[in-house]
Amino acid sequence: MALPHMMSFLMDAQQNLYNNDYGLASHCAVLGLKLTNSDLITKKLSIGCDTTTNIGLTSPDLGSQPGLDGHNKFESDTSLTRDDYFLADGDKFSFNGTLFE
């Protein structure tokens, strides 16, 4: 059975970047497609813009491809120069030079 392109791309990225084995990579890829509200019919997701209407299926039960327009899908609250709020006892304002190096 051939894997859809996006799922195989997600699995390949996890295996090469995080050294995940095939089982974990496939499990995470399926979760990634489901949790990002990707299109479950074509098994594609978009990080660009809302492409839901491009596939002609607009039912919310079939999923959507919100891309970067979908809040909290591809973003994180990280900083290259500041500590995390929860890991630094609430001090998210002070500059951390070791993170900047």
PDB file of N, CA and C in Angstrom:
ATOM      1  N   MET A   1       0.847  -1.181   0.000  1.00  0.00           N
ATOM      2  CA  MET A   1       0.000   0.000   0.000  1.00  0.00           C
ATOM      3  C   MET A   1       0.887   1.236   0.000  1.00  0.00           C
ATOM      4  N   ALA A   2       0.706   2.110  -0.941  1.00  0.00           N
ATOM      5  CA  ALA A   2       1.504   3.334  -1.021  1.00  0.00           C
ATOM      6  C   ALA A   2       0.963   4.371  -0.050  1.00  0.00           C
ATOM      7  N   LEU A   3       1.859   5.049   0.624  1.00  0.00           N
ATOM      8  CA  LEU A   3       1.456   6.095   1.548  1.00  0.00           C
ATOM      9  C   LEU A   3       1.184   7.382   0.783  1.00  0.00           C
ATOM     10  N   PRO A   4       0.174   8.147   1.208  1.00  0.00           N
ATOM     11  CA  PRO A   4      -0.031   9.456   0.594  1.00  0.00           C
ATOM     12  C   PRO A   4       1.216  10.318   0.780  1.00  0.00           C
ATOM     13  N   HIS A   5       1.417  11.244  -0.134  1.00  0.00           N
ATOM     14  CA  HIS A   5       2.645  12.038  -0.164  1.00  0.00           C
ATOM     15  C   HIS A   5       2.918  12.759   1.156  1.00  0.00           C
ATOM     16  N   MET A   6       1.927  13.434   1.725  1.00  0.00           N
ATOM     17  CA  MET A   6       2.165  14.214   2.937  1.00  0.00           C
ATOM     18  C   MET A   6       2.523  13.316   4.110  1.00  0.00           C
ATOM     19  N   MET A   7       1.869  12.177   4.213  1.00  0.00           N
ATOM     20  CA  MET A   7       2.168  11.268   5.316  1.00  0.00           C
ATOM     21  C   MET A   7       3.584  10.711   5.182  1.00  0.00           C
ATOM     22  N   SER A   8       3.979  10.363   3.973  1.00  0.00           N
ATOM     23  CA  SER A   8       5.338   9.848   3.794  1.00  0.00           C
ATOM     24  C   SER A   8       6.366  10.943   4.050  1.00  0.00           C
ATOM     25  N   PHE A   9       6.037  12.186   3.710  1.00  0.00           N
ATOM     26  CA  PHE A   9       6.932  13.306   3.993  1.00  0.00           C
ATOM     27  C   PHE A   9       7.093  13.497   5.496  1.00  0.00           C
ATOM     28  N   LEU A  10       5.986  13.447   6.246  1.00  0.00           N
ATOM     29  CA  LEU A  10       6.050  13.602   7.700  1.00  0.00           C
ATOM     30  C   LEU A  10       6.833  12.464   8.343  1.00  0.00           C
ATOM     31  N   MET A  11       6.638  11.255   7.856  1.00  0.00           N
ATOM     32  CA  MET A  11       7.364  10.107   8.406  1.00  0.00           C
ATOM     33  C   MET A  11       8.855  10.217   8.112  1.00  0.00           C
ATOM     34  N   ASP A  12       9.200  10.609   6.895  1.00  0.00           N
ATOM     35  CA  ASP A  12      10.603  10.752   6.521  1.00  0.00           C
ATOM     36  C   ASP A  12      11.287  11.821   7.369  1.00  0.00           C
ATOM     37  N   ALA A  13      10.599  12.925   7.595  1.00  0.00           N
ATOM     38  CA  ALA A  13      11.170  14.004   8.405  1.00  0.00           C
ATOM     39  C   ALA A  13      11.418  13.540   9.835  1.00  0.00           C
ATOM     40  N   GLN A  14      10.481  12.811  10.409  1.00  0.00           N
ATOM     41  CA  GLN A  14      10.655  12.336  11.785  1.00  0.00           C
ATOM     42  C   GLN A  14      11.767  11.307  11.898  1.00  0.00           C
ATOM     43  N   GLN A  15      11.873  10.443  10.914  1.00  0.00           N
ATOM     44  CA  GLN A  15      12.919   9.421  10.963  1.00  0.00           C
ATOM     45  C   GLN A  15      14.298  10.046  10.791  1.00  0.00           C
ATOM     46  N   ASN A  16      14.424  11.053   9.936  1.00  0.00           N
ATOM     47  CA  ASN A  16      15.725  11.667   9.691  1.00  0.00           C
ATOM     48  C   ASN A  16      16.095  12.726  10.722  1.00  0.00           C
ATOM     49  N   LEU A  17      15.126  13.502  11.193  1.00  0.00           N
ATOM     50  CA  LEU A  17      15.433  14.573  12.139  1.00  0.00           C
ATOM     51  C   LEU A  17      15.484  14.095  13.581  1.00  0.00           C
ATOM     52  N   TYR A  18      14.542  13.227  13.956  1.00  0.00           N
ATOM     53  CA  TYR A  18      14.433  12.807  15.350  1.00  0.00           C
ATOM     54  C   TYR A  18      14.862  11.362  15.582  1.00  0.00           C
ATOM     55  N   ASN A  19      15.250  10.675  14.519  1.00  0.00           N
ATOM     56  CA  ASN A  19      15.686   9.284  14.604  1.00  0.00           C
ATOM     57  C   ASN A  19      14.594   8.366  15.163  1.00  0.00           C
ATOM     58  N   ASN A  20      13.337   8.663  14.806  1.00  0.00           N
ATOM     59  CA  ASN A  20      12.227   7.803  15.217  1.00  0.00           C
ATOM     60  C   ASN A  20      12.205   6.550  14.351  1.00  0.00           C
ATOM     61  N   ASP A  21      11.765   5.440  14.936  1.00  0.00           N
ATOM     62  CA  ASP A  21      11.621   4.237  14.123  1.00  0.00           C
ATOM     63  C   ASP A  21      10.338   4.334  13.294  1.00  0.00           C
ATOM     64  N   TYR A  22      10.136   3.389  12.401  1.00  0.00           N
ATOM     65  CA  TYR A  22       9.012   3.432  11.463  1.00  0.00           C
ATOM     66  C   TYR A  22       7.666   3.467  12.195  1.00  0.00           C
ATOM     67  N   GLY A  23       7.512   2.645  13.228  1.00  0.00           N
ATOM     68  CA  GLY A  23       6.242   2.576  13.949  1.00  0.00           C
ATOM     69  C   GLY A  23       5.879   3.887  14.617  1.00  0.00           C
ATOM     70  N   LEU A  24       6.839   4.480  15.324  1.00  0.00           N
ATOM     71  CA  LEU A  24       6.577   5.750  15.999  1.00  0.00           C
ATOM     72  C   LEU A  24       6.366   6.867  14.986  1.00  0.00           C
ATOM     73  N   ALA A  25       7.150   6.866  13.919  1.00  0.00           N
ATOM     74  CA  ALA A  25       7.008   7.902  12.892  1.00  0.00           C
ATOM     75  C   ALA A  25       5.639   7.829  12.222  1.00  0.00           C
ATOM     76  N   SER A  26       5.157   6.627  11.925  1.00  0.00           N
ATOM     77  CA  SER A  26       3.844   6.508  11.286  1.00  0.00           C
ATOM     78  C   SER A  26       2.731   6.905  12.248  1.00  0.00           C
ATOM     79  N   HIS A  27       2.866   6.543  13.516  1.00  0.00           N
ATOM     80  CA  HIS A  27       1.869   6.918  14.523  1.00  0.00           C
ATOM     81  C   HIS A  27       1.815   8.439  14.670  1.00  0.00           C
ATOM     82  N   CYS A  28       2.980   9.076  14.765  1.00  0.00           N
ATOM     83  CA  CYS A  28       3.031  10.530  14.908  1.00  0.00           C
ATOM     84  C   CYS A  28       2.529  11.234  13.651  1.00  0.00           C
ATOM     85  N   ALA A  29       2.782  10.660  12.483  1.00  0.00           N
ATOM     86  CA  ALA A  29       2.304  11.260  11.237  1.00  0.00           C
ATOM     87  C   ALA A  29       0.780  11.240  11.182  1.00  0.00           C
ATOM     88  N   VAL A  30       0.180  10.128  11.583  1.00  0.00           N
ATOM     89  CA  VAL A  30      -1.285  10.042  11.610  1.00  0.00           C
ATOM     90  C   VAL A  30      -1.845  11.037  12.616  1.00  0.00           C
ATOM     91  N   LEU A  31      -1.231  11.115  13.795  1.00  0.00           N
ATOM     92  CA  LEU A  31      -1.678  12.089  14.789  1.00  0.00           C
ATOM     93  C   LEU A  31      -1.498  13.512  14.274  1.00  0.00           C
ATOM     94  N   GLY A  32      -0.385  13.760  13.585  1.00  0.00           N
ATOM     95  CA  GLY A  32      -0.153  15.089  13.031  1.00  0.00           C
ATOM     96  C   GLY A  32      -1.205  15.489  12.023  1.00  0.00           C
ATOM     97  N   LEU A  33      -1.592  14.556  11.174  1.00  0.00           N
ATOM     98  CA  LEU A  33      -2.642  14.844  10.197  1.00  0.00           C
ATOM     99  C   LEU A  33      -3.976  15.082  10.886  1.00  0.00           C
ATOM    100  N   LYS A  34      -4.256  14.332  11.934  1.00  0.00           N
ATOM    101  CA  LYS A  34      -5.532  14.476  12.638  1.00  0.00           C
ATOM    102  C   LYS A  34      -5.563  15.740  13.497  1.00  0.00           C
ATOM    103  N   LEU A  35      -4.492  15.992  14.255  1.00  0.00           N
ATOM    104  CA  LEU A  35      -4.492  17.109  15.192  1.00  0.00           C
ATOM    105  C   LEU A  35      -4.388  18.468  14.522  1.00  0.00           C
ATOM    106  N   THR A  36      -3.881  18.524  13.315  1.00  0.00           N
ATOM    107  CA  THR A  36      -3.789  19.809  12.613  1.00  0.00           C
ATOM    108  C   THR A  36      -5.017  20.071  11.764  1.00  0.00           C
ATOM    109  N   ASN A  37      -6.048  19.272  11.924  1.00  0.00           N
ATOM    110  CA  ASN A  37      -7.278  19.402  11.138  1.00  0.00           C
ATOM    111  C   ASN A  37      -7.002  19.334   9.647  1.00  0.00           C
ATOM    112  N   SER A  38      -6.113  18.441   9.269  1.00  0.00           N
ATOM    113  CA  SER A  38      -5.818  18.292   7.847  1.00  0.00           C
ATOM    114  C   SER A  38      -6.988  17.619   7.145  1.00  0.00           C
ATOM    115  N   ASP A  39      -6.912  17.581   5.834  1.00  0.00           N
ATOM    116  CA  ASP A  39      -7.946  16.928   5.046  1.00  0.00           C
ATOM    117  C   ASP A  39      -7.735  15.423   5.136  1.00  0.00           C
ATOM    118  N   LEU A  40      -8.659  14.731   5.754  1.00  0.00           N
ATOM    119  CA  LEU A  40      -8.511  13.298   5.974  1.00  0.00           C
ATOM    120  C   LEU A  40      -8.760  12.471   4.715  1.00  0.00           C
ATOM    121  N   ILE A  41      -9.382  13.065   3.700  1.00  0.00           N
ATOM    122  CA  ILE A  41      -9.616  12.347   2.450  1.00  0.00           C
ATOM    123  C   ILE A  41      -8.333  12.301   1.621  1.00  0.00           C
ATOM    124  N   THR A  42      -7.723  13.466   1.400  1.00  0.00           N
ATOM    125  CA  THR A  42      -6.500  13.515   0.600  1.00  0.00           C
ATOM    126  C   THR A  42      -5.246  13.318   1.445  1.00  0.00           C
ATOM    127  N   LYS A  43      -5.408  13.343   2.756  1.00  0.00           N
ATOM    128  CA  LYS A  43      -4.293  13.224   3.709  1.00  0.00           C
ATOM    129  C   LYS A  43      -3.218  14.272   3.441  1.00  0.00           C
ATOM    130  N   LYS A  44      -3.672  15.511   3.226  1.00  0.00           N
ATOM    131  CA  LYS A  44      -2.763  16.625   3.006  1.00  0.00           C
ATOM    132  C   LYS A  44      -3.015  17.684   4.064  1.00  0.00           C
ATOM    133  N   LEU A  45      -1.978  18.450   4.350  1.00  0.00           N
ATOM    134  CA  LEU A  45      -2.131  19.613   5.198  1.00  0.00           C
ATOM    135  C   LEU A  45      -1.348  20.748   4.577  1.00  0.00           C
ATOM    136  N   SER A  46      -1.732  21.952   4.904  1.00  0.00           N
ATOM    137  CA  SER A  46      -1.087  23.116   4.317  1.00  0.00           C
ATOM    138  C   SER A  46      -0.517  23.984   5.420  1.00  0.00           C
ATOM    139  N   ILE A  47       0.701  24.477   5.221  1.00  0.00           N
ATOM    140  CA  ILE A  47       1.236  25.441   6.166  1.00  0.00           C
ATOM    141  C   ILE A  47       1.209  26.840   5.567  1.00  0.00           C
ATOM    142  N   GLY A  48       0.576  26.992   4.418  1.00  0.00           N
ATOM    143  CA  GLY A  48       0.559  28.282   3.742  1.00  0.00           C
ATOM    144  C   GLY A  48      -0.689  29.088   4.025  1.00  0.00           C
ATOM    145  N   CYS A  49      -1.818  28.652   3.533  1.00  0.00           N
ATOM    146  CA  CYS A  49      -3.064  29.386   3.698  1.00  0.00           C
ATOM    147  C   CYS A  49      -4.200  28.374   3.760  1.00  0.00           C
ATOM    148  N   ASP A  50      -5.409  28.869   3.943  1.00  0.00           N
ATOM    149  CA  ASP A  50      -6.558  27.968   4.007  1.00  0.00           C
ATOM    150  C   ASP A  50      -6.842  27.433   2.612  1.00  0.00           C
ATOM    151  N   THR A  51      -6.574  26.150   2.397  1.00  0.00           N
ATOM    152  CA  THR A  51      -6.778  25.540   1.084  1.00  0.00           C
ATOM    153  C   THR A  51      -7.935  24.552   1.088  1.00  0.00           C
ATOM    154  N   THR A  52      -8.805  24.661   2.088  1.00  0.00           N
ATOM    155  CA  THR A  52      -9.919  23.723   2.208  1.00  0.00           C
ATOM    156  C   THR A  52     -10.816  23.760   0.980  1.00  0.00           C
ATOM    157  N   THR A  53     -11.114  24.947   0.485  1.00  0.00           N
ATOM    158  CA  THR A  53     -12.037  25.056  -0.651  1.00  0.00           C
ATOM    159  C   THR A  53     -11.408  24.598  -1.960  1.00  0.00           C
ATOM    160  N   ASN A  54     -10.104  24.469  -2.016  1.00  0.00           N
ATOM    161  CA  ASN A  54      -9.453  24.029  -3.256  1.00  0.00           C
ATOM    162  C   ASN A  54      -9.714  22.567  -3.585  1.00  0.00           C
ATOM    163  N   ILE A  55     -10.077  21.772  -2.586  1.00  0.00           N
ATOM    164  CA  ILE A  55     -10.305  20.353  -2.854  1.00  0.00           C
ATOM    165  C   ILE A  55     -11.762  20.043  -3.125  1.00  0.00           C
ATOM    166  N   GLY A  56     -12.654  21.020  -2.927  1.00  0.00           N
ATOM    167  CA  GLY A  56     -14.053  20.827  -3.243  1.00  0.00           C
ATOM    168  C   GLY A  56     -14.857  20.138  -2.156  1.00  0.00           C
ATOM    169  N   LEU A  57     -14.238  19.775  -1.057  1.00  0.00           N
ATOM    170  CA  LEU A  57     -14.954  19.151   0.053  1.00  0.00           C
ATOM    171  C   LEU A  57     -14.959  20.129   1.215  1.00  0.00           C
ATOM    172  N   THR A  58     -16.132  20.624   1.575  1.00  0.00           N
ATOM    173  CA  THR A  58     -16.191  21.657   2.601  1.00  0.00           C
ATOM    174  C   THR A  58     -16.836  21.181   3.887  1.00  0.00           C
ATOM    175  N   SER A  59     -17.113  19.917   4.019  1.00  0.00           N
ATOM    176  CA  SER A  59     -17.730  19.405   5.237  1.00  0.00           C
ATOM    177  C   SER A  59     -16.728  19.440   6.384  1.00  0.00           C
ATOM    178  N   PRO A  60     -17.100  20.006   7.547  1.00  0.00           N
ATOM    179  CA  PRO A  60     -16.174  20.025   8.677  1.00  0.00           C
ATOM    180  C   PRO A  60     -15.831  18.629   9.191  1.00  0.00           C
ATOM    181  N   ASP A  61     -16.678  17.649   8.883  1.00  0.00           N
ATOM    182  CA  ASP A  61     -16.396  16.278   9.313  1.00  0.00           C
ATOM    183  C   ASP A  61     -15.216  15.678   8.561  1.00  0.00           C
ATOM    184  N   LEU A  62     -14.941  16.184   7.376  1.00  0.00           N
ATOM    185  CA  LEU A  62     -13.849  15.668   6.565  1.00  0.00           C
ATOM    186  C   LEU A  62     -12.528  16.358   6.862  1.00  0.00           C
ATOM    187  N   GLY A  63     -12.562  17.388   7.697  1.00  0.00           N
ATOM    188  CA  GLY A  63     -11.341  18.102   8.040  1.00  0.00           C
ATOM    189  C   GLY A  63     -11.143  19.310   7.153  1.00  0.00           C
ATOM    190  N   SER A  64     -10.099  20.029   7.435  1.00  0.00           N
ATOM    191  CA  SER A  64      -9.787  21.225   6.667  1.00  0.00           C
ATOM    192  C   SER A  64      -8.279  21.361   6.563  1.00  0.00           C
ATOM    193  N   GLN A  65      -7.846  22.299   5.751  1.00  0.00           N
ATOM    194  CA  GLN A  65      -6.429  22.608   5.622  1.00  0.00           C
ATOM    195  C   GLN A  65      -6.247  24.087   5.943  1.00  0.00           C
ATOM    196  N   PRO A  66      -6.263  24.455   7.240  1.00  0.00           N
ATOM    197  CA  PRO A  66      -6.233  25.875   7.588  1.00  0.00           C
ATOM    198  C   PRO A  66      -4.887  26.547   7.379  1.00  0.00           C
ATOM    199  N   GLY A  67      -3.824  25.784   7.276  1.00  0.00           N
ATOM    200  CA  GLY A  67      -2.502  26.369   7.095  1.00  0.00           C
ATOM    201  C   GLY A  67      -2.110  27.243   8.273  1.00  0.00           C
ATOM    202  N   LEU A  68      -1.317  28.261   7.991  1.00  0.00           N
ATOM    203  CA  LEU A  68      -0.873  29.150   9.060  1.00  0.00           C
ATOM    204  C   LEU A  68      -1.997  30.033   9.567  1.00  0.00           C
ATOM    205  N   ASP A  69      -3.110  30.098   8.821  1.00  0.00           N
ATOM    206  CA  ASP A  69      -4.262  30.848   9.290  1.00  0.00           C
ATOM    207  C   ASP A  69      -4.901  30.173  10.497  1.00  0.00           C
ATOM    208  N   GLY A  70      -4.696  28.871  10.653  1.00  0.00           N
ATOM    209  CA  GLY A  70      -5.220  28.145  11.804  1.00  0.00           C
ATOM    210  C   GLY A  70      -4.366  28.425  13.027  1.00  0.00           C
ATOM    211  N   HIS A  71      -4.961  28.987  14.055  1.00  0.00           N
ATOM    212  CA  HIS A  71      -4.206  29.381  15.245  1.00  0.00           C
ATOM    213  C   HIS A  71      -3.675  28.171  16.001  1.00  0.00           C
ATOM    214  N   ASN A  72      -2.468  28.281  16.491  1.00  0.00           N
ATOM    215  CA  ASN A  72      -1.836  27.306  17.382  1.00  0.00           C
ATOM    216  C   ASN A  72      -1.591  25.955  16.718  1.00  0.00           C
ATOM    217  N   LYS A  73      -1.389  25.942  15.419  1.00  0.00           N
ATOM    218  CA  LYS A  73      -1.100  24.698  14.715  1.00  0.00           C
ATOM    219  C   LYS A  73       0.391  24.541  14.460  1.00  0.00           C
ATOM    220  N   PHE A  74       1.043  25.607  14.029  1.00  0.00           N
ATOM    221  CA  PHE A  74       2.452  25.547  13.656  1.00  0.00           C
ATOM    222  C   PHE A  74       3.282  26.585  14.396  1.00  0.00           C
ATOM    223  N   GLU A  75       2.776  27.085  15.494  1.00  0.00           N
ATOM    224  CA  GLU A  75       3.496  28.108  16.220  1.00  0.00           C
ATOM    225  C   GLU A  75       3.880  27.600  17.603  1.00  0.00           C
ATOM    226  N   SER A  76       4.802  28.277  18.199  1.00  0.00           N
ATOM    227  CA  SER A  76       5.165  27.939  19.575  1.00  0.00           C
ATOM    228  C   SER A  76       5.579  29.211  20.289  1.00  0.00           C
ATOM    229  N   ASP A  77       5.501  29.183  21.579  1.00  0.00           N
ATOM    230  CA  ASP A  77       5.896  30.326  22.388  1.00  0.00           C
ATOM    231  C   ASP A  77       7.331  30.126  22.839  1.00  0.00           C
ATOM    232  N   THR A  78       8.274  30.382  21.947  1.00  0.00           N
ATOM    233  CA  THR A  78       9.686  30.193  22.248  1.00  0.00           C
ATOM    234  C   THR A  78      10.445  31.472  21.952  1.00  0.00           C
ATOM    235  N   SER A  79      11.604  31.579  22.547  1.00  0.00           N
ATOM    236  CA  SER A  79      12.450  32.735  22.332  1.00  0.00           C
ATOM    237  C   SER A  79      13.892  32.282  22.243  1.00  0.00           C
ATOM    238  N   LEU A  80      14.655  32.949  21.402  1.00  0.00           N
ATOM    239  CA  LEU A  80      16.078  32.648  21.290  1.00  0.00           C
ATOM    240  C   LEU A  80      16.897  33.357  22.355  1.00  0.00           C
ATOM    241  N   THR A  81      16.279  34.283  23.092  1.00  0.00           N
ATOM    242  CA  THR A  81      17.030  35.061  24.080  1.00  0.00           C
ATOM    243  C   THR A  81      16.407  35.077  25.468  1.00  0.00           C
ATOM    244  N   ARG A  82      15.218  34.541  25.634  1.00  0.00           N
ATOM    245  CA  ARG A  82      14.528  34.583  26.929  1.00  0.00           C
ATOM    246  C   ARG A  82      14.151  33.164  27.357  1.00  0.00           C
ATOM    247  N   ASP A  83      14.074  32.966  28.677  1.00  0.00           N
ATOM    248  CA  ASP A  83      13.654  31.676  29.216  1.00  0.00           C
ATOM    249  C   ASP A  83      12.145  31.520  29.106  1.00  0.00           C
ATOM    250  N   ASP A  84      11.695  30.292  29.182  1.00  0.00           N
ATOM    251  CA  ASP A  84      10.275  29.989  29.206  1.00  0.00           C
ATOM    252  C   ASP A  84       9.681  30.425  30.544  1.00  0.00           C
ATOM    253  N   TYR A  85       8.449  30.894  30.523  1.00  0.00           N
ATOM    254  CA  TYR A  85       7.775  31.374  31.732  1.00  0.00           C
ATOM    255  C   TYR A  85       7.732  30.306  32.822  1.00  0.00           C
ATOM    256  N   PHE A  86       7.394  29.084  32.454  1.00  0.00           N
ATOM    257  CA  PHE A  86       7.220  28.027  33.447  1.00  0.00           C
ATOM    258  C   PHE A  86       8.541  27.441  33.925  1.00  0.00           C
ATOM    259  N   LEU A  87       9.580  27.497  33.107  1.00  0.00           N
ATOM    260  CA  LEU A  87      10.866  26.921  33.488  1.00  0.00           C
ATOM    261  C   LEU A  87      11.754  27.900  34.239  1.00  0.00           C
ATOM    262  N   ALA A  88      11.420  29.178  34.220  1.00  0.00           N
ATOM    263  CA  ALA A  88      12.256  30.195  34.867  1.00  0.00           C
ATOM    264  C   ALA A  88      11.528  30.862  36.026  1.00  0.00           C
ATOM    265  N   ASP A  89      10.621  30.147  36.659  1.00  0.00           N
ATOM    266  CA  ASP A  89       9.865  30.674  37.810  1.00  0.00           C
ATOM    267  C   ASP A  89       9.170  31.990  37.496  1.00  0.00           C
ATOM    268  N   GLY A  90       8.618  32.103  36.321  1.00  0.00           N
ATOM    269  CA  GLY A  90       7.852  33.281  35.945  1.00  0.00           C
ATOM    270  C   GLY A  90       8.659  34.416  35.349  1.00  0.00           C
ATOM    271  N   ASP A  91       9.981  34.288  35.293  1.00  0.00           N
ATOM    272  CA  ASP A  91      10.819  35.352  34.733  1.00  0.00           C
ATOM    273  C   ASP A  91      11.027  35.111  33.240  1.00  0.00           C
ATOM    274  N   LYS A  92      10.143  35.671  32.452  1.00  0.00           N
ATOM    275  CA  LYS A  92      10.257  35.525  31.001  1.00  0.00           C
ATOM    276  C   LYS A  92      10.823  36.779  30.345  1.00  0.00           C
ATOM    277  N   PHE A  93      11.252  37.746  31.170  1.00  0.00           N
ATOM    278  CA  PHE A  93      11.712  39.022  30.643  1.00  0.00           C
ATOM    279  C   PHE A  93      13.231  39.152  30.602  1.00  0.00           C
ATOM    280  N   SER A  94      13.936  38.503  31.538  1.00  0.00           N
ATOM    281  CA  SER A  94      15.389  38.669  31.635  1.00  0.00           C
ATOM    282  C   SER A  94      16.103  38.005  30.459  1.00  0.00           C
ATOM    283  N   PHE A  95      17.121  38.682  29.961  1.00  0.00           N
ATOM    284  CA  PHE A  95      17.929  38.169  28.859  1.00  0.00           C
ATOM    285  C   PHE A  95      18.786  37.004  29.348  1.00  0.00           C
ATOM    286  N   ASN A  96      18.815  35.910  28.593  1.00  0.00           N
ATOM    287  CA  ASN A  96      19.639  34.750  28.918  1.00  0.00           C
ATOM    288  C   ASN A  96      20.706  34.620  27.830  1.00  0.00           C
ATOM    289  N   GLY A  97      21.925  35.023  28.171  1.00  0.00           N
ATOM    290  CA  GLY A  97      23.012  35.026  27.200  1.00  0.00           C
ATOM    291  C   GLY A  97      23.394  33.652  26.698  1.00  0.00           C
ATOM    292  N   THR A  98      23.191  32.606  27.511  1.00  0.00           N
ATOM    293  CA  THR A  98      23.553  31.256  27.063  1.00  0.00           C
ATOM    294  C   THR A  98      22.627  30.775  25.957  1.00  0.00           C
ATOM    295  N   LEU A  99      21.391  31.227  25.944  1.00  0.00           N
ATOM    296  CA  LEU A  99      20.482  30.868  24.855  1.00  0.00           C
ATOM    297  C   LEU A  99      20.850  31.608  23.573  1.00  0.00           C
ATOM    298  N   PHE A 100      21.421  32.789  23.719  1.00  0.00           N
ATOM    299  CA  PHE A 100      21.751  33.624  22.568  1.00  0.00           C
ATOM    300  C   PHE A 100      23.005  33.156  21.838  1.00  0.00           C
ATOM    301  N   GLU A 101      23.906  32.492  22.558  1.00  0.00           N
ATOM    302  CA  GLU A 101      25.191  32.097  21.964  1.00  0.00           C
ATOM    303  C   GLU A 101      25.032  31.180  20.826  1.00  0.00           C
TER     304      GLU A 101
END
